[in-house]
Amino acid sequence: MSYGSSTSEAWRQVGVYIARILKGEKPGNLPVQAPAKYALTVNLKTAKGLGLSIPASMLATADEVIE
């Protein structure tokens, strides 16, 4: 299981920063931002290999389930 920042959202934010730099802002003046979106990924194959069972409610809320 992994719970962390969304990779696609991070790349989108990189694009926003690049656009601001190309418009003339200095990189040192740009704020550091925390991720706004997080993703939960569950790997069922690994869980089964370890003898773990994942509740159906957690699987329903996961952003990605690897089987």
C-alpha atoms as a PDB file:
ATOM      1  CA  MET A   1       0.000   0.000   0.000  1.00  0.00           C
ATOM      2  CA  SER A   2       1.169   3.500  -0.762  1.00  0.00           C
ATOM      3  CA  TYR A   3      -0.332   6.837   0.141  1.00  0.00           C
ATOM      4  CA  GLY A   4       1.423   9.834  -1.355  1.00  0.00           C
ATOM      5  CA  SER A   5       1.226  12.777  -3.663  1.00  0.00           C
ATOM      6  CA  SER A   6      -0.313  12.292  -7.078  1.00  0.00           C
ATOM      7  CA  THR A   7       2.369  12.126  -9.780  1.00  0.00           C
ATOM      8  CA  SER A   8       0.089  13.561 -12.466  1.00  0.00           C
ATOM      9  CA  GLU A   9      -0.826  16.485 -10.203  1.00  0.00           C
ATOM     10  CA  ALA A  10       2.864  17.135  -9.485  1.00  0.00           C
ATOM     11  CA  TRP A  11       3.665  17.305 -13.218  1.00  0.00           C
ATOM     12  CA  ARG A  12       0.753  19.693 -13.745  1.00  0.00           C
ATOM     13  CA  GLN A  13       2.160  21.947 -11.029  1.00  0.00           C
ATOM     14  CA  VAL A  14       5.601  21.817 -12.686  1.00  0.00           C
ATOM     15  CA  GLY A  15       3.968  23.124 -15.867  1.00  0.00           C
ATOM     16  CA  VAL A  16       2.393  26.008 -13.941  1.00  0.00           C
ATOM     17  CA  TYR A  17       5.781  26.934 -12.439  1.00  0.00           C
ATOM     18  CA  ILE A  18       7.528  26.774 -15.828  1.00  0.00           C
ATOM     19  CA  ALA A  19       4.883  29.058 -17.316  1.00  0.00           C
ATOM     20  CA  ARG A  20       5.406  31.570 -14.505  1.00  0.00           C
ATOM     21  CA  ILE A  21       9.182  31.509 -15.043  1.00  0.00           C
ATOM     22  CA  LEU A  22       8.788  31.971 -18.802  1.00  0.00           C
ATOM     23  CA  LYS A  23       6.555  34.980 -18.115  1.00  0.00           C
ATOM     24  CA  GLY A  24       9.422  36.599 -16.201  1.00  0.00           C
ATOM     25  CA  GLU A  25       9.086  35.617 -12.550  1.00  0.00           C
ATOM     26  CA  LYS A  26      12.304  34.771 -10.753  1.00  0.00           C
ATOM     27  CA  PRO A  27      12.440  31.125  -9.611  1.00  0.00           C
ATOM     28  CA  GLY A  28      13.635  32.216  -6.154  1.00  0.00           C
ATOM     29  CA  ASN A  29      10.422  34.213  -5.677  1.00  0.00           C
ATOM     30  CA  LEU A  30       8.100  31.268  -6.355  1.00  0.00           C
ATOM     31  CA  PRO A  31       6.559  29.713  -3.241  1.00  0.00           C
ATOM     32  CA  VAL A  32       7.156  26.137  -2.170  1.00  0.00           C
ATOM     33  CA  GLN A  33       3.849  24.326  -2.260  1.00  0.00           C
ATOM     34  CA  ALA A  34       2.646  21.153  -0.604  1.00  0.00           C
ATOM     35  CA  PRO A  35       0.782  18.616  -2.750  1.00  0.00           C
ATOM     36  CA  ALA A  36      -2.921  19.334  -3.052  1.00  0.00           C
ATOM     37  CA  LYS A  37      -3.939  15.828  -4.112  1.00  0.00           C
ATOM     38  CA  TYR A  38      -2.891  12.491  -2.651  1.00  0.00           C
ATOM     39  CA  ALA A  39      -3.368   9.008  -4.082  1.00  0.00           C
ATOM     40  CA  LEU A  40      -3.887   5.653  -2.364  1.00  0.00           C
ATOM     41  CA  THR A  41      -2.513   2.643  -4.241  1.00  0.00           C
ATOM     42  CA  VAL A  42      -3.075  -0.937  -3.079  1.00  0.00           C
ATOM     43  CA  ASN A  43      -1.085  -3.893  -4.451  1.00  0.00           C
ATOM     44  CA  LEU A  44      -3.273  -6.981  -3.943  1.00  0.00           C
ATOM     45  CA  LYS A  45      -0.705  -9.412  -5.352  1.00  0.00           C
ATOM     46  CA  THR A  46       1.870  -8.408  -2.729  1.00  0.00           C
ATOM     47  CA  ALA A  47      -0.746  -8.366   0.036  1.00  0.00           C
ATOM     48  CA  LYS A  48      -1.827 -11.916  -0.835  1.00  0.00           C
ATOM     49  CA  GLY A  49       1.817 -13.008  -0.968  1.00  0.00           C
ATOM     50  CA  LEU A  50       2.269 -11.691   2.572  1.00  0.00           C
ATOM     51  CA  GLY A  51      -0.932 -13.344   3.740  1.00  0.00           C
ATOM     52  CA  LEU A  52      -2.767 -10.067   4.298  1.00  0.00           C
ATOM     53  CA  SER A  53      -6.376  -9.342   3.476  1.00  0.00           C
ATOM     54  CA  ILE A  54      -7.430  -5.844   2.498  1.00  0.00           C
ATOM     55  CA  PRO A  55     -10.945  -4.750   3.522  1.00  0.00           C
ATOM     56  CA  ALA A  56     -13.368  -4.117   0.670  1.00  0.00           C
ATOM     57  CA  SER A  57     -14.056  -0.608   1.997  1.00  0.00           C
ATOM     58  CA  MET A  58     -10.365   0.281   1.576  1.00  0.00           C
ATOM     59  CA  LEU A  59     -10.291  -1.144  -1.939  1.00  0.00           C
ATOM     60  CA  ALA A  60     -13.357   0.934  -2.808  1.00  0.00           C
ATOM     61  CA  THR A  61     -11.664   4.153  -1.714  1.00  0.00           C
ATOM     62  CA  ALA A  62      -8.288   3.391  -3.355  1.00  0.00           C
ATOM     63  CA  ASP A  63      -7.318   5.453  -6.389  1.00  0.00           C
ATOM     64  CA  GLU A  64      -5.504   2.475  -7.918  1.00  0.00           C
ATOM     65  CA  VAL A  65      -5.663  -1.258  -7.205  1.00  0.00           C
ATOM     66  CA  ILE A  66      -2.905  -3.465  -8.628  1.00  0.00           C
ATOM     67  CA  GLU A  67      -4.022  -7.066  -9.037  1.00  0.00           C
END
